[in-house]
Amino acid sequence: MVGATSEREAGFTEGLTPFGQRQLQAGVEALLPAASQWPPMERWWGFRPCTPDEGPLLGGSAIPGLWLAAGHHRNGVLLAAITAELLAACLSNAGCTAEQQELLGAFRWDRFGA
């Protein structure tokens, strides 16, 4: 398995871009020159929701009762477990600790406001 690319310029265009495909192929061939002779392999892609500062949106939203856990960009798979643990703790009857509240504060949805 080879990956991955991240191209802001692609916007919401579906599929791998030609540039991204060439970039991945060049990386594989640099590590394993014989790969240049292999037939094309299966490819897949997905959107990476991202905020302007590339930090996630975590915690309560402007809508009462709606909590956010989104916008992890390329780190979603890495941060899924800790995000779930943090939000579960804060949504439980025990509530957030001061440390958890401080952490959520750094990732508030309204941090981009004027």
N, C-alpha and C. Protein backbone atom coordinates (compact mmCIF):
# COMPACT_ATOMS: atom_id res chain seq x y z
N MET A 1 0.85 -1.16 0.00
CA MET A 1 0.00 0.00 0.00
C MET A 1 0.90 1.23 0.00
N VAL A 2 0.52 2.19 -0.81
CA VAL A 2 1.28 3.42 -0.94
C VAL A 2 0.35 4.59 -0.72
N GLY A 3 0.77 5.58 -0.03
CA GLY A 3 -0.03 6.78 0.13
C GLY A 3 0.70 7.73 1.05
N ALA A 4 0.34 8.85 1.13
CA ALA A 4 -0.89 9.47 0.66
C ALA A 4 -0.56 10.85 0.12
N THR A 5 -1.54 11.46 -0.50
CA THR A 5 -1.37 12.82 -1.00
C THR A 5 -2.29 13.75 -0.23
N SER A 6 -2.02 15.03 -0.36
CA SER A 6 -2.87 16.06 0.22
C SER A 6 -2.75 17.28 -0.67
N GLU A 7 -3.82 17.59 -1.39
CA GLU A 7 -3.77 18.67 -2.37
C GLU A 7 -4.92 19.64 -2.15
N ARG A 8 -4.65 20.74 -1.49
CA ARG A 8 -5.68 21.75 -1.24
C ARG A 8 -6.29 22.27 -2.54
N GLU A 9 -5.46 22.41 -3.56
CA GLU A 9 -5.92 22.97 -4.83
C GLU A 9 -6.98 22.10 -5.50
N ALA A 10 -7.04 20.84 -5.14
CA ALA A 10 -8.00 19.93 -5.76
C ALA A 10 -9.43 20.26 -5.34
N GLY A 11 -9.60 20.96 -4.23
CA GLY A 11 -10.93 21.33 -3.76
C GLY A 11 -11.79 20.10 -3.55
N PHE A 12 -12.99 20.10 -4.13
CA PHE A 12 -13.90 18.97 -3.99
C PHE A 12 -14.02 18.16 -5.27
N THR A 13 -12.95 18.19 -6.07
CA THR A 13 -12.91 17.37 -7.27
C THR A 13 -12.72 15.92 -6.84
N GLU A 14 -13.57 15.05 -7.34
CA GLU A 14 -13.50 13.64 -6.95
C GLU A 14 -12.36 12.93 -7.66
N GLY A 15 -11.77 11.96 -6.98
CA GLY A 15 -10.74 11.11 -7.57
C GLY A 15 -9.34 11.62 -7.33
N LEU A 16 -8.38 10.76 -7.64
CA LEU A 16 -6.97 11.14 -7.54
C LEU A 16 -6.61 12.07 -8.69
N THR A 17 -5.81 13.07 -8.39
CA THR A 17 -5.38 13.97 -9.46
C THR A 17 -4.20 13.33 -10.20
N PRO A 18 -4.00 13.71 -11.45
CA PRO A 18 -2.82 13.20 -12.17
C PRO A 18 -1.52 13.52 -11.43
N PHE A 19 -1.44 14.73 -10.87
CA PHE A 19 -0.23 15.10 -10.12
C PHE A 19 -0.03 14.17 -8.93
N GLY A 20 -1.10 13.92 -8.19
CA GLY A 20 -1.00 13.04 -7.03
C GLY A 20 -0.58 11.64 -7.42
N GLN A 21 -1.13 11.13 -8.51
CA GLN A 21 -0.76 9.79 -8.98
C GLN A 21 0.72 9.74 -9.35
N ARG A 22 1.20 10.77 -10.07
CA ARG A 22 2.61 10.80 -10.45
C ARG A 22 3.51 10.89 -9.22
N GLN A 23 3.09 11.67 -8.25
CA GLN A 23 3.86 11.84 -7.02
C GLN A 23 4.01 10.50 -6.28
N LEU A 24 2.92 9.77 -6.16
CA LEU A 24 2.98 8.46 -5.50
C LEU A 24 3.81 7.47 -6.29
N GLN A 25 3.63 7.45 -7.60
CA GLN A 25 4.39 6.53 -8.45
C GLN A 25 5.89 6.82 -8.36
N ALA A 26 6.25 8.09 -8.37
CA ALA A 26 7.67 8.46 -8.27
C ALA A 26 8.25 8.02 -6.92
N GLY A 27 7.48 8.15 -5.88
CA GLY A 27 7.95 7.71 -4.56
C GLY A 27 8.19 6.22 -4.50
N VAL A 28 7.27 5.45 -5.07
CA VAL A 28 7.42 3.99 -5.09
C VAL A 28 8.66 3.61 -5.91
N GLU A 29 8.79 4.21 -7.08
CA GLU A 29 9.91 3.87 -7.95
C GLU A 29 11.25 4.27 -7.35
N ALA A 30 11.27 5.35 -6.56
CA ALA A 30 12.51 5.75 -5.90
C ALA A 30 12.94 4.71 -4.86
N LEU A 31 11.98 4.10 -4.20
CA LEU A 31 12.28 3.07 -3.20
C LEU A 31 12.50 1.70 -3.81
N LEU A 32 11.77 1.43 -4.90
CA LEU A 32 11.81 0.11 -5.52
C LEU A 32 11.75 0.28 -7.05
N PRO A 33 12.91 0.46 -7.69
CA PRO A 33 12.92 0.73 -9.14
C PRO A 33 12.14 -0.29 -9.97
N ALA A 34 12.10 -1.55 -9.57
CA ALA A 34 11.37 -2.56 -10.33
C ALA A 34 9.88 -2.24 -10.43
N ALA A 35 9.36 -1.42 -9.52
CA ALA A 35 7.94 -1.06 -9.52
C ALA A 35 7.56 -0.29 -10.77
N SER A 36 8.52 0.31 -11.45
CA SER A 36 8.21 1.06 -12.67
C SER A 36 7.66 0.14 -13.76
N GLN A 37 7.89 -1.16 -13.64
CA GLN A 37 7.42 -2.12 -14.65
C GLN A 37 6.11 -2.80 -14.24
N TRP A 38 5.63 -2.53 -13.07
CA TRP A 38 4.40 -3.16 -12.60
C TRP A 38 3.18 -2.51 -13.27
N PRO A 39 2.13 -3.29 -13.47
CA PRO A 39 0.89 -2.69 -14.02
C PRO A 39 0.24 -1.80 -12.95
N PRO A 40 -0.62 -0.88 -13.38
CA PRO A 40 -1.31 -0.03 -12.39
C PRO A 40 -2.09 -0.88 -11.40
N MET A 41 -2.08 -0.44 -10.16
CA MET A 41 -2.78 -1.18 -9.11
C MET A 41 -4.05 -0.43 -8.71
N GLU A 42 -4.84 -1.07 -7.89
CA GLU A 42 -6.08 -0.46 -7.39
C GLU A 42 -5.76 0.86 -6.69
N ARG A 43 -6.63 1.82 -6.90
CA ARG A 43 -6.46 3.12 -6.27
C ARG A 43 -7.75 3.51 -5.57
N TRP A 44 -7.61 4.21 -4.46
CA TRP A 44 -8.79 4.74 -3.79
C TRP A 44 -8.43 6.10 -3.20
N TRP A 45 -9.44 6.86 -2.90
CA TRP A 45 -9.23 8.20 -2.40
C TRP A 45 -10.40 8.59 -1.50
N GLY A 46 -10.23 9.68 -0.81
CA GLY A 46 -11.31 10.21 0.01
C GLY A 46 -11.03 11.66 0.34
N PHE A 47 -12.08 12.38 0.70
CA PHE A 47 -11.91 13.77 1.11
C PHE A 47 -11.37 13.81 2.53
N ARG A 48 -10.60 14.83 2.81
CA ARG A 48 -10.06 15.03 4.15
C ARG A 48 -10.59 16.35 4.68
N PRO A 49 -11.68 16.30 5.41
CA PRO A 49 -12.24 17.54 5.94
C PRO A 49 -11.19 18.29 6.75
N CYS A 50 -11.07 19.58 6.50
CA CYS A 50 -9.99 20.35 7.10
C CYS A 50 -10.47 21.74 7.46
N THR A 51 -9.99 22.27 8.55
CA THR A 51 -10.27 23.64 8.95
C THR A 51 -9.11 24.53 8.50
N PRO A 52 -9.28 25.85 8.55
CA PRO A 52 -8.20 26.74 8.11
C PRO A 52 -6.87 26.52 8.84
N ASP A 53 -6.92 26.14 10.12
CA ASP A 53 -5.67 25.92 10.86
C ASP A 53 -5.30 24.43 10.94
N GLU A 54 -6.04 23.60 10.23
CA GLU A 54 -5.84 22.14 10.17
C GLU A 54 -6.05 21.44 11.51
N GLY A 55 -6.63 22.14 12.48
CA GLY A 55 -7.01 21.53 13.75
C GLY A 55 -8.46 21.10 13.68
N PRO A 56 -8.84 20.07 14.43
CA PRO A 56 -10.22 19.60 14.38
C PRO A 56 -11.20 20.56 15.05
N LEU A 57 -12.47 20.30 14.83
CA LEU A 57 -13.55 20.98 15.54
C LEU A 57 -14.04 20.00 16.60
N LEU A 58 -13.90 20.37 17.86
CA LEU A 58 -14.27 19.47 18.96
C LEU A 58 -15.12 20.20 19.98
N GLY A 59 -16.11 19.50 20.50
CA GLY A 59 -16.91 20.04 21.59
C GLY A 59 -18.27 20.53 21.15
N GLY A 60 -18.90 21.25 22.05
CA GLY A 60 -20.23 21.76 21.81
C GLY A 60 -20.27 22.74 20.65
N SER A 61 -21.44 22.83 20.02
CA SER A 61 -21.62 23.72 18.87
C SER A 61 -22.60 24.83 19.23
N ALA A 62 -22.95 25.64 18.23
CA ALA A 62 -23.93 26.71 18.44
C ALA A 62 -25.33 26.15 18.62
N ILE A 63 -25.53 24.89 18.26
CA ILE A 63 -26.83 24.24 18.40
C ILE A 63 -26.82 23.44 19.70
N PRO A 64 -27.67 23.79 20.65
CA PRO A 64 -27.69 23.09 21.93
C PRO A 64 -27.84 21.57 21.74
N GLY A 65 -26.96 20.81 22.41
CA GLY A 65 -27.00 19.36 22.34
C GLY A 65 -26.23 18.76 21.18
N LEU A 66 -25.75 19.57 20.24
CA LEU A 66 -24.96 19.06 19.11
C LEU A 66 -23.49 19.25 19.40
N TRP A 67 -22.77 18.14 19.49
CA TRP A 67 -21.33 18.18 19.72
C TRP A 67 -20.61 17.81 18.44
N LEU A 68 -19.44 18.41 18.25
CA LEU A 68 -18.66 18.21 17.04
C LEU A 68 -17.41 17.38 17.30
N ALA A 69 -17.08 16.56 16.35
CA ALA A 69 -15.82 15.81 16.32
C ALA A 69 -15.50 15.63 14.84
N ALA A 70 -15.00 16.69 14.22
CA ALA A 70 -14.82 16.69 12.77
C ALA A 70 -13.60 17.52 12.39
N GLY A 71 -13.24 17.44 11.10
CA GLY A 71 -12.17 18.28 10.57
C GLY A 71 -10.77 17.87 10.96
N HIS A 72 -10.54 16.60 11.18
CA HIS A 72 -9.22 16.12 11.60
C HIS A 72 -8.20 16.09 10.46
N HIS A 73 -8.64 16.39 9.24
CA HIS A 73 -7.76 16.42 8.07
C HIS A 73 -7.05 15.08 7.91
N ARG A 74 -5.77 15.07 7.72
CA ARG A 74 -5.08 13.82 7.44
C ARG A 74 -4.80 12.99 8.70
N ASN A 75 -5.18 13.50 9.86
CA ASN A 75 -4.90 12.79 11.11
C ASN A 75 -6.12 12.12 11.72
N GLY A 76 -7.22 12.04 10.98
CA GLY A 76 -8.44 11.46 11.52
C GLY A 76 -8.27 10.05 12.05
N VAL A 77 -7.61 9.21 11.29
CA VAL A 77 -7.43 7.82 11.73
C VAL A 77 -6.53 7.75 12.96
N LEU A 78 -5.62 8.69 13.08
CA LEU A 78 -4.71 8.70 14.23
C LEU A 78 -5.38 9.27 15.48
N LEU A 79 -6.29 10.21 15.31
CA LEU A 79 -6.90 10.90 16.45
C LEU A 79 -8.29 10.38 16.82
N ALA A 80 -8.80 9.42 16.09
CA ALA A 80 -10.16 8.93 16.34
C ALA A 80 -10.34 8.41 17.76
N ALA A 81 -9.43 7.61 18.25
CA ALA A 81 -9.59 7.01 19.57
C ALA A 81 -9.54 8.06 20.68
N ILE A 82 -8.58 8.96 20.64
CA ILE A 82 -8.46 9.96 21.70
C ILE A 82 -9.61 10.96 21.63
N THR A 83 -10.07 11.26 20.42
CA THR A 83 -11.22 12.16 20.27
C THR A 83 -12.46 11.52 20.89
N ALA A 84 -12.68 10.25 20.59
CA ALA A 84 -13.83 9.54 21.15
C ALA A 84 -13.75 9.47 22.68
N GLU A 85 -12.57 9.20 23.20
CA GLU A 85 -12.38 9.12 24.65
C GLU A 85 -12.66 10.48 25.31
N LEU A 86 -12.15 11.54 24.71
CA LEU A 86 -12.35 12.88 25.26
C LEU A 86 -13.83 13.28 25.25
N LEU A 87 -14.47 13.11 24.11
CA LEU A 87 -15.88 13.52 24.03
C LEU A 87 -16.77 12.64 24.87
N ALA A 88 -16.47 11.35 24.94
CA ALA A 88 -17.28 10.46 25.78
C ALA A 88 -17.19 10.88 27.24
N ALA A 89 -16.00 11.24 27.68
CA ALA A 89 -15.82 11.67 29.07
C ALA A 89 -16.62 12.95 29.33
N CYS A 90 -16.58 13.87 28.38
CA CYS A 90 -17.26 15.15 28.57
C CYS A 90 -18.78 15.03 28.44
N LEU A 91 -19.24 14.06 27.69
CA LEU A 91 -20.67 13.86 27.53
C LEU A 91 -21.27 12.97 28.62
N SER A 92 -20.43 12.36 29.42
CA SER A 92 -20.93 11.48 30.47
C SER A 92 -21.46 12.32 31.63
N ASN A 93 -22.08 11.67 32.57
CA ASN A 93 -22.62 12.36 33.74
C ASN A 93 -21.54 13.04 34.56
N ALA A 94 -20.31 12.51 34.52
CA ALA A 94 -19.22 13.07 35.30
C ALA A 94 -18.78 14.43 34.74
N GLY A 95 -18.92 14.62 33.43
CA GLY A 95 -18.54 15.89 32.80
C GLY A 95 -17.04 16.00 32.58
N CYS A 96 -16.64 17.09 31.96
CA CYS A 96 -15.23 17.33 31.62
C CYS A 96 -14.44 17.78 32.84
N THR A 97 -13.21 17.35 32.89
CA THR A 97 -12.28 17.89 33.88
C THR A 97 -11.82 19.26 33.38
N ALA A 98 -11.16 20.02 34.22
CA ALA A 98 -10.63 21.33 33.81
C ALA A 98 -9.65 21.17 32.67
N GLU A 99 -8.83 20.15 32.72
CA GLU A 99 -7.85 19.89 31.67
C GLU A 99 -8.54 19.57 30.34
N GLN A 100 -9.59 18.76 30.40
CA GLN A 100 -10.34 18.42 29.19
C GLN A 100 -11.05 19.65 28.63
N GLN A 101 -11.61 20.48 29.50
CA GLN A 101 -12.28 21.70 29.04
C GLN A 101 -11.28 22.63 28.36
N GLU A 102 -10.08 22.72 28.90
CA GLU A 102 -9.05 23.56 28.29
C GLU A 102 -8.68 23.03 26.91
N LEU A 103 -8.54 21.72 26.80
CA LEU A 103 -8.20 21.11 25.51
C LEU A 103 -9.31 21.37 24.49
N LEU A 104 -10.55 21.15 24.88
CA LEU A 104 -11.67 21.41 23.97
C LEU A 104 -11.73 22.88 23.57
N GLY A 105 -11.38 23.76 24.49
CA GLY A 105 -11.40 25.20 24.20
C GLY A 105 -10.50 25.57 23.04
N ALA A 106 -9.39 24.86 22.89
CA ALA A 106 -8.45 25.14 21.80
C ALA A 106 -9.02 24.74 20.44
N PHE A 107 -10.05 23.89 20.44
CA PHE A 107 -10.61 23.38 19.20
C PHE A 107 -12.08 23.75 19.01
N ARG A 108 -12.49 24.85 19.63
CA ARG A 108 -13.88 25.30 19.51
C ARG A 108 -14.22 25.64 18.07
N TRP A 109 -15.47 25.46 17.71
CA TRP A 109 -15.95 25.75 16.36
C TRP A 109 -15.87 27.24 16.03
N ASP A 110 -15.97 28.10 17.03
CA ASP A 110 -16.02 29.54 16.77
C ASP A 110 -14.67 30.22 16.88
N ARG A 111 -13.58 29.46 16.88
CA ARG A 111 -12.26 30.06 16.99
C ARG A 111 -11.86 30.85 15.74
N PHE A 112 -12.58 30.71 14.66
CA PHE A 112 -12.26 31.41 13.42
C PHE A 112 -13.07 32.69 13.26
N GLY A 113 -13.90 33.01 14.25
CA GLY A 113 -14.75 34.18 14.17
C GLY A 113 -13.95 35.48 14.09
N ALA A 114 -14.64 36.52 13.76
CA ALA A 114 -14.00 37.83 13.60
C ALA A 114 -13.52 38.39 14.90
